[in-house]
């Protein structure tokens, strides 16, 4: 798999593990990028939308929690090395 696909898969996986609050309805978006690719990470209708893929809400975390987890890379995932996110 190429590095860009791995990057997207890693953020998608973190999004599955961390989700936003059910009662949130907003258009909060961040752009997360590394040196190869940029993707949108948004909160919409109580779910995360990562580069167009909807991730159902399960754990009650906020979009900011997801962004912090991606940037912190607690599992030292090589596909998330150097990823930074900024509000869109």
N, C-alpha and C. Protein backbone atom coordinates (compact mmCIF):
# COMPACT_ATOMS: atom_id res chain seq x y z
N UNK A 1 0.84 -1.17 0.00
CA UNK A 1 0.00 0.00 0.00
C UNK A 1 0.88 1.24 0.00
N UNK A 2 0.45 2.26 -0.70
CA UNK A 2 1.27 3.47 -0.68
C UNK A 2 1.05 4.26 0.60
N UNK A 3 1.94 5.18 0.87
CA UNK A 3 1.95 5.93 2.13
C UNK A 3 0.68 6.76 2.30
N UNK A 4 0.14 7.32 1.22
CA UNK A 4 -1.09 8.11 1.31
C UNK A 4 -2.28 7.28 1.76
N UNK A 5 -2.41 6.07 1.23
CA UNK A 5 -3.50 5.18 1.63
C UNK A 5 -3.33 4.77 3.08
N UNK A 6 -2.11 4.48 3.48
CA UNK A 6 -1.84 4.13 4.88
C UNK A 6 -2.20 5.27 5.81
N UNK A 7 -1.89 6.50 5.42
CA UNK A 7 -2.22 7.69 6.21
C UNK A 7 -3.72 7.79 6.40
N UNK A 8 -4.48 7.66 5.33
CA UNK A 8 -5.94 7.72 5.41
C UNK A 8 -6.49 6.59 6.27
N UNK A 9 -5.97 5.39 6.11
CA UNK A 9 -6.43 4.25 6.90
C UNK A 9 -6.14 4.45 8.38
N UNK A 10 -5.00 5.02 8.71
CA UNK A 10 -4.66 5.26 10.11
C UNK A 10 -5.61 6.26 10.76
N UNK A 11 -5.92 7.35 10.07
CA UNK A 11 -6.86 8.34 10.61
C UNK A 11 -8.25 7.74 10.70
N UNK A 12 -8.65 6.96 9.71
CA UNK A 12 -9.95 6.31 9.74
C UNK A 12 -10.05 5.39 10.95
N UNK A 13 -8.99 4.63 11.22
CA UNK A 13 -8.99 3.72 12.36
C UNK A 13 -9.11 4.48 13.68
N UNK A 14 -8.37 5.56 13.83
CA UNK A 14 -8.49 6.36 15.05
C UNK A 14 -9.89 6.93 15.16
N UNK A 15 -10.48 7.32 14.05
CA UNK A 15 -11.84 7.85 14.07
C UNK A 15 -12.85 6.82 14.52
N UNK A 16 -12.62 5.57 14.21
CA UNK A 16 -13.51 4.51 14.67
C UNK A 16 -13.38 4.34 16.18
N UNK A 17 -12.16 4.47 16.68
CA UNK A 17 -11.93 4.30 18.11
C UNK A 17 -12.41 5.49 18.93
N UNK A 18 -12.39 6.67 18.35
CA UNK A 18 -12.80 7.89 19.04
C UNK A 18 -13.91 8.52 18.21
N UNK A 19 -15.03 8.82 18.85
CA UNK A 19 -16.12 9.43 18.09
C UNK A 19 -16.65 10.66 18.81
N UNK A 20 -17.52 11.40 18.13
CA UNK A 20 -18.00 12.65 18.69
C UNK A 20 -19.32 12.48 19.43
N UNK A 21 -19.77 13.54 20.07
CA UNK A 21 -20.99 13.51 20.86
C UNK A 21 -22.22 13.40 19.98
N UNK A 22 -23.20 12.62 20.40
CA UNK A 22 -24.43 12.40 19.63
C UNK A 22 -25.20 13.68 19.39
N UNK A 23 -25.26 14.57 20.38
CA UNK A 23 -26.11 15.74 20.23
C UNK A 23 -25.45 16.88 19.47
N UNK A 24 -24.23 16.71 19.05
CA UNK A 24 -23.56 17.75 18.27
C UNK A 24 -24.04 17.74 16.83
N UNK A 25 -24.40 18.90 16.34
CA UNK A 25 -24.70 19.07 14.92
C UNK A 25 -23.94 20.30 14.51
N UNK A 26 -22.86 20.10 13.78
CA UNK A 26 -22.02 21.23 13.42
C UNK A 26 -21.28 20.94 12.14
N UNK A 27 -20.59 21.94 11.67
CA UNK A 27 -19.78 21.78 10.48
C UNK A 27 -18.32 22.00 10.83
N UNK A 28 -17.92 21.53 12.00
CA UNK A 28 -16.53 21.67 12.43
C UNK A 28 -15.65 20.81 11.54
N UNK A 29 -14.63 21.41 10.99
CA UNK A 29 -13.71 20.65 10.15
C UNK A 29 -12.27 21.05 10.43
N UNK A 30 -11.40 20.08 10.30
CA UNK A 30 -9.96 20.27 10.35
C UNK A 30 -9.38 19.70 9.06
N UNK A 31 -8.24 20.20 8.68
CA UNK A 31 -7.46 19.61 7.60
C UNK A 31 -6.24 19.00 8.27
N UNK A 32 -6.08 17.69 8.13
CA UNK A 32 -4.93 16.99 8.69
C UNK A 32 -4.03 16.59 7.53
N UNK A 33 -2.74 16.86 7.69
CA UNK A 33 -1.84 16.59 6.57
C UNK A 33 -0.47 16.14 7.06
N UNK A 34 0.19 15.42 6.16
CA UNK A 34 1.60 15.10 6.32
C UNK A 34 2.28 15.60 5.06
N UNK A 35 3.50 15.21 4.81
CA UNK A 35 4.20 15.74 3.64
C UNK A 35 3.65 15.20 2.32
N UNK A 36 2.79 14.18 2.36
CA UNK A 36 2.29 13.56 1.14
C UNK A 36 0.85 13.94 0.82
N UNK A 37 0.00 14.00 1.82
CA UNK A 37 -1.43 14.11 1.58
C UNK A 37 -2.11 14.96 2.65
N UNK A 38 -3.23 15.58 2.26
CA UNK A 38 -4.09 16.31 3.19
C UNK A 38 -5.48 15.72 3.10
N UNK A 39 -6.13 15.56 4.25
CA UNK A 39 -7.51 15.07 4.24
C UNK A 39 -8.34 15.90 5.21
N UNK A 40 -9.64 15.97 4.93
CA UNK A 40 -10.58 16.67 5.79
C UNK A 40 -11.08 15.73 6.87
N UNK A 41 -11.14 16.24 8.08
CA UNK A 41 -11.68 15.50 9.22
C UNK A 41 -12.74 16.42 9.82
N UNK A 42 -14.01 15.99 9.71
CA UNK A 42 -15.13 16.85 10.10
C UNK A 42 -16.06 16.15 11.08
N UNK A 43 -16.88 16.96 11.71
CA UNK A 43 -17.95 16.48 12.57
C UNK A 43 -19.25 16.92 11.90
N UNK A 44 -20.13 15.96 11.64
CA UNK A 44 -21.37 16.28 10.94
C UNK A 44 -22.49 15.38 11.44
N UNK A 45 -23.56 15.99 11.90
CA UNK A 45 -24.73 15.25 12.39
C UNK A 45 -24.37 14.20 13.44
N UNK A 46 -23.45 14.55 14.34
CA UNK A 46 -23.09 13.64 15.42
C UNK A 46 -22.13 12.54 15.05
N UNK A 47 -21.56 12.58 13.87
CA UNK A 47 -20.59 11.58 13.42
C UNK A 47 -19.34 12.27 12.91
N UNK A 48 -18.26 11.50 12.78
CA UNK A 48 -17.06 12.00 12.12
C UNK A 48 -17.17 11.68 10.64
N UNK A 49 -16.65 12.57 9.83
CA UNK A 49 -16.52 12.32 8.40
C UNK A 49 -15.05 12.54 8.07
N UNK A 50 -14.37 11.44 7.72
CA UNK A 50 -12.94 11.48 7.42
C UNK A 50 -12.77 11.25 5.93
N UNK A 51 -12.42 12.33 5.24
CA UNK A 51 -12.23 12.29 3.79
C UNK A 51 -13.41 11.65 3.07
N UNK A 52 -14.63 12.02 3.50
CA UNK A 52 -15.85 11.53 2.87
C UNK A 52 -16.42 10.26 3.46
N UNK A 53 -15.68 9.57 4.31
CA UNK A 53 -16.14 8.32 4.93
C UNK A 53 -16.77 8.64 6.29
N UNK A 54 -18.03 8.24 6.50
CA UNK A 54 -18.72 8.49 7.76
C UNK A 54 -18.31 7.44 8.79
N UNK A 55 -17.93 7.92 9.98
CA UNK A 55 -17.57 7.04 11.09
C UNK A 55 -18.62 7.26 12.18
N UNK A 56 -19.43 6.24 12.47
CA UNK A 56 -20.52 6.40 13.45
C UNK A 56 -20.01 6.77 14.84
N UNK A 57 -20.85 7.53 15.54
CA UNK A 57 -20.54 7.93 16.92
C UNK A 57 -20.75 6.74 17.84
N UNK A 58 -19.76 6.41 18.63
CA UNK A 58 -19.90 5.32 19.59
C UNK A 58 -19.39 5.67 20.98
N UNK A 59 -18.38 6.54 21.10
CA UNK A 59 -17.71 6.73 22.39
C UNK A 59 -17.92 8.09 23.04
N UNK A 60 -18.56 9.02 22.37
CA UNK A 60 -18.83 10.32 22.96
C UNK A 60 -17.66 11.29 23.02
N UNK A 61 -16.60 11.06 22.28
CA UNK A 61 -15.47 11.99 22.25
C UNK A 61 -15.78 13.14 21.29
N UNK A 62 -15.07 14.23 21.44
CA UNK A 62 -15.28 15.37 20.57
C UNK A 62 -14.35 15.30 19.35
N UNK A 63 -14.62 16.15 18.38
CA UNK A 63 -13.76 16.25 17.21
C UNK A 63 -12.35 16.66 17.64
N UNK A 64 -12.27 17.54 18.62
CA UNK A 64 -10.97 17.97 19.12
C UNK A 64 -10.20 16.81 19.74
N UNK A 65 -10.91 15.88 20.41
CA UNK A 65 -10.26 14.68 20.95
C UNK A 65 -9.64 13.85 19.83
N UNK A 66 -10.37 13.70 18.73
CA UNK A 66 -9.86 12.95 17.59
C UNK A 66 -8.60 13.62 17.03
N UNK A 67 -8.68 14.93 16.84
CA UNK A 67 -7.54 15.66 16.27
C UNK A 67 -6.32 15.55 17.19
N UNK A 68 -6.53 15.71 18.50
CA UNK A 68 -5.41 15.58 19.44
C UNK A 68 -4.80 14.18 19.39
N UNK A 69 -5.64 13.15 19.27
CA UNK A 69 -5.14 11.77 19.20
C UNK A 69 -4.34 11.53 17.93
N UNK A 70 -4.82 12.08 16.82
CA UNK A 70 -4.10 11.92 15.55
C UNK A 70 -2.73 12.59 15.65
N UNK A 71 -2.70 13.82 16.17
CA UNK A 71 -1.43 14.54 16.26
C UNK A 71 -0.48 13.93 17.29
N UNK A 72 -1.02 13.42 18.39
CA UNK A 72 -0.17 12.82 19.43
C UNK A 72 0.40 11.48 19.01
N UNK A 73 -0.34 10.76 18.16
CA UNK A 73 0.11 9.46 17.65
C UNK A 73 0.60 8.56 18.80
N UNK A 74 -0.29 8.26 19.77
CA UNK A 74 0.13 7.51 20.96
C UNK A 74 0.64 6.10 20.67
N UNK A 75 0.24 5.51 19.55
CA UNK A 75 0.69 4.17 19.20
C UNK A 75 1.92 4.18 18.30
N UNK A 76 2.48 5.37 18.09
CA UNK A 76 3.65 5.52 17.21
C UNK A 76 3.43 4.90 15.84
N UNK A 77 2.25 5.12 15.29
CA UNK A 77 1.93 4.63 13.96
C UNK A 77 2.77 5.40 12.94
N UNK A 78 3.60 4.72 12.16
CA UNK A 78 4.46 5.43 11.21
C UNK A 78 3.67 6.22 10.16
N UNK A 79 2.42 5.82 9.91
CA UNK A 79 1.60 6.54 8.93
C UNK A 79 1.09 7.88 9.47
N UNK A 80 1.19 8.08 10.78
CA UNK A 80 0.74 9.34 11.37
C UNK A 80 1.91 10.23 11.80
N UNK A 81 3.14 9.80 11.51
CA UNK A 81 4.30 10.62 11.85
C UNK A 81 4.24 11.94 11.12
N UNK A 82 4.43 13.01 11.85
CA UNK A 82 4.47 14.34 11.24
C UNK A 82 3.12 14.89 10.83
N UNK A 83 2.02 14.25 11.22
CA UNK A 83 0.69 14.75 10.88
C UNK A 83 0.36 15.95 11.76
N UNK A 84 -0.09 17.00 11.13
CA UNK A 84 -0.58 18.16 11.85
C UNK A 84 -1.97 18.49 11.33
N UNK A 85 -2.80 19.02 12.21
CA UNK A 85 -4.16 19.37 11.83
C UNK A 85 -4.41 20.83 12.16
N UNK A 86 -5.18 21.48 11.32
CA UNK A 86 -5.57 22.86 11.56
C UNK A 86 -7.04 23.03 11.23
N UNK A 87 -7.68 23.94 11.95
CA UNK A 87 -9.10 24.19 11.70
C UNK A 87 -9.26 24.73 10.29
N UNK A 88 -10.25 24.22 9.60
CA UNK A 88 -10.50 24.60 8.21
C UNK A 88 -11.21 25.93 8.15
